Amino acid sequence: MNVVSKYSDNILKMISEVLELSGDMVTPEKNFQDIGMNSIGFINVIIKCETEFDIEFEDDKFLMTSFPTIGDFIEYVESLVL
């Protein structure tokens, strides 16, 4: 999957900041476990996205397993913004 949107760079940057990783380590093709994300970090990413984009995640989307890849997460955020 190659997710290219006007939001993807910003979301990838947020994820990188939470994990303190260089940007090239976080790509849409990877999943959250691949990059060492834990549940607390994932919730922090959700909070950053909700604040940045003025959106609200559905309750069933608060688990990393809801998103097979980071690209799927980006698509979900974009669907809430649009």
C-alpha atoms as a PDB file:
ATOM      1  CA  MET A   1       0.000   0.000   0.000  1.00  0.00           C
ATOM      2  CA  ASN A   2       1.289   3.428  -0.880  1.00  0.00           C
ATOM      3  CA  VAL A   3      -0.735   6.060   0.881  1.00  0.00           C
ATOM      4  CA  VAL A   4      -0.163   9.547  -0.404  1.00  0.00           C
ATOM      5  CA  SER A   5      -2.341  12.272   0.997  1.00  0.00           C
ATOM      6  CA  LYS A   6      -1.926  15.764   2.255  1.00  0.00           C
ATOM      7  CA  TYR A   7      -2.231  14.348   5.773  1.00  0.00           C
ATOM      8  CA  SER A   8       0.153  11.402   5.534  1.00  0.00           C
ATOM      9  CA  ASP A   9       3.396  13.330   6.055  1.00  0.00           C
ATOM     10  CA  ASN A  10       1.978  15.052   9.116  1.00  0.00           C
ATOM     11  CA  ILE A  11       0.673  11.796  10.615  1.00  0.00           C
ATOM     12  CA  LEU A  12       3.935   9.955   9.917  1.00  0.00           C
ATOM     13  CA  LYS A  13       5.789  12.806  11.618  1.00  0.00           C
ATOM     14  CA  MET A  14       3.524  12.553  14.690  1.00  0.00           C
ATOM     15  CA  ILE A  15       4.169   8.814  14.939  1.00  0.00           C
ATOM     16  CA  SER A  16       7.929   9.370  14.569  1.00  0.00           C
ATOM     17  CA  GLU A  17       7.883  12.010  17.308  1.00  0.00           C
ATOM     18  CA  VAL A  18       5.984   9.801  19.755  1.00  0.00           C
ATOM     19  CA  LEU A  19       8.454   6.952  19.242  1.00  0.00           C
ATOM     20  CA  GLU A  20      11.466   9.243  18.870  1.00  0.00           C
ATOM     21  CA  LEU A  21      12.362   7.559  15.578  1.00  0.00           C
ATOM     22  CA  SER A  22      13.809   9.042  12.433  1.00  0.00           C
ATOM     23  CA  GLY A  23      11.162   9.722   9.815  1.00  0.00           C
ATOM     24  CA  ASP A  24      12.433   7.136   7.352  1.00  0.00           C
ATOM     25  CA  MET A  25      11.756   4.329   9.846  1.00  0.00           C
ATOM     26  CA  VAL A  26       8.013   5.024   9.841  1.00  0.00           C
ATOM     27  CA  THR A  27       6.323   4.179   6.544  1.00  0.00           C
ATOM     28  CA  PRO A  28       2.718   3.441   5.539  1.00  0.00           C
ATOM     29  CA  GLU A  29       3.608  -0.152   4.667  1.00  0.00           C
ATOM     30  CA  LYS A  30       4.716  -1.054   8.192  1.00  0.00           C
ATOM     31  CA  ASN A  31       2.467  -1.925  11.094  1.00  0.00           C
ATOM     32  CA  PHE A  32       2.669  -0.346  14.531  1.00  0.00           C
ATOM     33  CA  GLN A  33       4.282  -3.393  16.118  1.00  0.00           C
ATOM     34  CA  ASP A  34       7.064  -3.328  13.475  1.00  0.00           C
ATOM     35  CA  ILE A  35       8.182   0.080  14.698  1.00  0.00           C
ATOM     36  CA  GLY A  36       7.952  -0.689  18.411  1.00  0.00           C
ATOM     37  CA  MET A  37       4.695   1.086  19.193  1.00  0.00           C
ATOM     38  CA  ASN A  38       2.993   0.148  22.455  1.00  0.00           C
ATOM     39  CA  SER A  39      -0.593   0.876  23.491  1.00  0.00           C
ATOM     40  CA  ILE A  40       0.284   4.051  25.410  1.00  0.00           C
ATOM     41  CA  GLY A  41       2.220   5.439  22.462  1.00  0.00           C
ATOM     42  CA  PHE A  42      -0.669   4.561  20.165  1.00  0.00           C
ATOM     43  CA  ILE A  43      -3.117   6.478  22.373  1.00  0.00           C
ATOM     44  CA  ASN A  44      -0.713   9.450  22.296  1.00  0.00           C
ATOM     45  CA  VAL A  45      -0.744   9.351  18.488  1.00  0.00           C
ATOM     46  CA  ILE A  46      -4.549   9.260  18.511  1.00  0.00           C
ATOM     47  CA  ILE A  47      -4.680  12.274  20.867  1.00  0.00           C
ATOM     48  CA  LYS A  48      -2.258  14.182  18.627  1.00  0.00           C
ATOM     49  CA  CYS A  49      -4.376  13.395  15.560  1.00  0.00           C
ATOM     50  CA  GLU A  50      -7.628  14.337  17.286  1.00  0.00           C
ATOM     51  CA  THR A  51      -6.129  17.652  18.389  1.00  0.00           C
ATOM     52  CA  GLU A  52      -4.356  18.459  15.113  1.00  0.00           C
ATOM     53  CA  PHE A  53      -7.268  17.623  12.822  1.00  0.00           C
ATOM     54  CA  ASP A  54     -10.197  18.375  15.165  1.00  0.00           C
ATOM     55  CA  ILE A  55     -11.584  14.847  14.841  1.00  0.00           C
ATOM     56  CA  GLU A  56     -12.777  12.129  17.208  1.00  0.00           C
ATOM     57  CA  PHE A  57     -11.874   8.464  16.874  1.00  0.00           C
ATOM     58  CA  GLU A  58     -14.622   5.893  17.279  1.00  0.00           C
ATOM     59  CA  ASP A  59     -14.275   3.800  20.446  1.00  0.00           C
ATOM     60  CA  ASP A  60     -13.556   0.610  18.504  1.00  0.00           C
ATOM     61  CA  LYS A  61     -10.527   2.249  16.833  1.00  0.00           C
ATOM     62  CA  PHE A  62      -8.488   2.708  20.024  1.00  0.00           C
ATOM     63  CA  LEU A  63      -6.606  -0.566  19.437  1.00  0.00           C
ATOM     64  CA  MET A  64      -3.557  -0.897  17.216  1.00  0.00           C
ATOM     65  CA  THR A  65      -5.012  -4.142  15.903  1.00  0.00           C
ATOM     66  CA  SER A  66      -7.780  -2.105  14.258  1.00  0.00           C
ATOM     67  CA  PHE A  67      -5.188  -1.016  11.698  1.00  0.00           C
ATOM     68  CA  PRO A  68      -3.200  -3.717   9.855  1.00  0.00           C
ATOM     69  CA  THR A  69      -0.762  -1.065   8.584  1.00  0.00           C
ATOM     70  CA  ILE A  70       0.141   2.528   9.341  1.00  0.00           C
ATOM     71  CA  GLY A  71      -1.304   3.324   5.908  1.00  0.00           C
ATOM     72  CA  ASP A  72      -4.677   1.993   7.071  1.00  0.00           C
ATOM     73  CA  PHE A  73      -4.436   4.295  10.088  1.00  0.00           C
ATOM     74  CA  ILE A  74      -3.694   7.259   7.818  1.00  0.00           C
ATOM     75  CA  GLU A  75      -6.683   6.400   5.612  1.00  0.00           C
ATOM     76  CA  TYR A  76      -8.936   6.239   8.680  1.00  0.00           C
ATOM     77  CA  VAL A  77      -7.755   9.633   9.946  1.00  0.00           C
ATOM     78  CA  GLU A  78      -8.254  11.103   6.485  1.00  0.00           C
ATOM     79  CA  SER A  79     -11.793   9.667   6.339  1.00  0.00           C
ATOM     80  CA  LEU A  80     -12.628  11.524   9.557  1.00  0.00           C
ATOM     81  CA  VAL A  81     -11.161  14.789   8.309  1.00  0.00           C
ATOM     82  CA  LEU A  82     -12.919  14.824   4.934  1.00  0.00           C
END
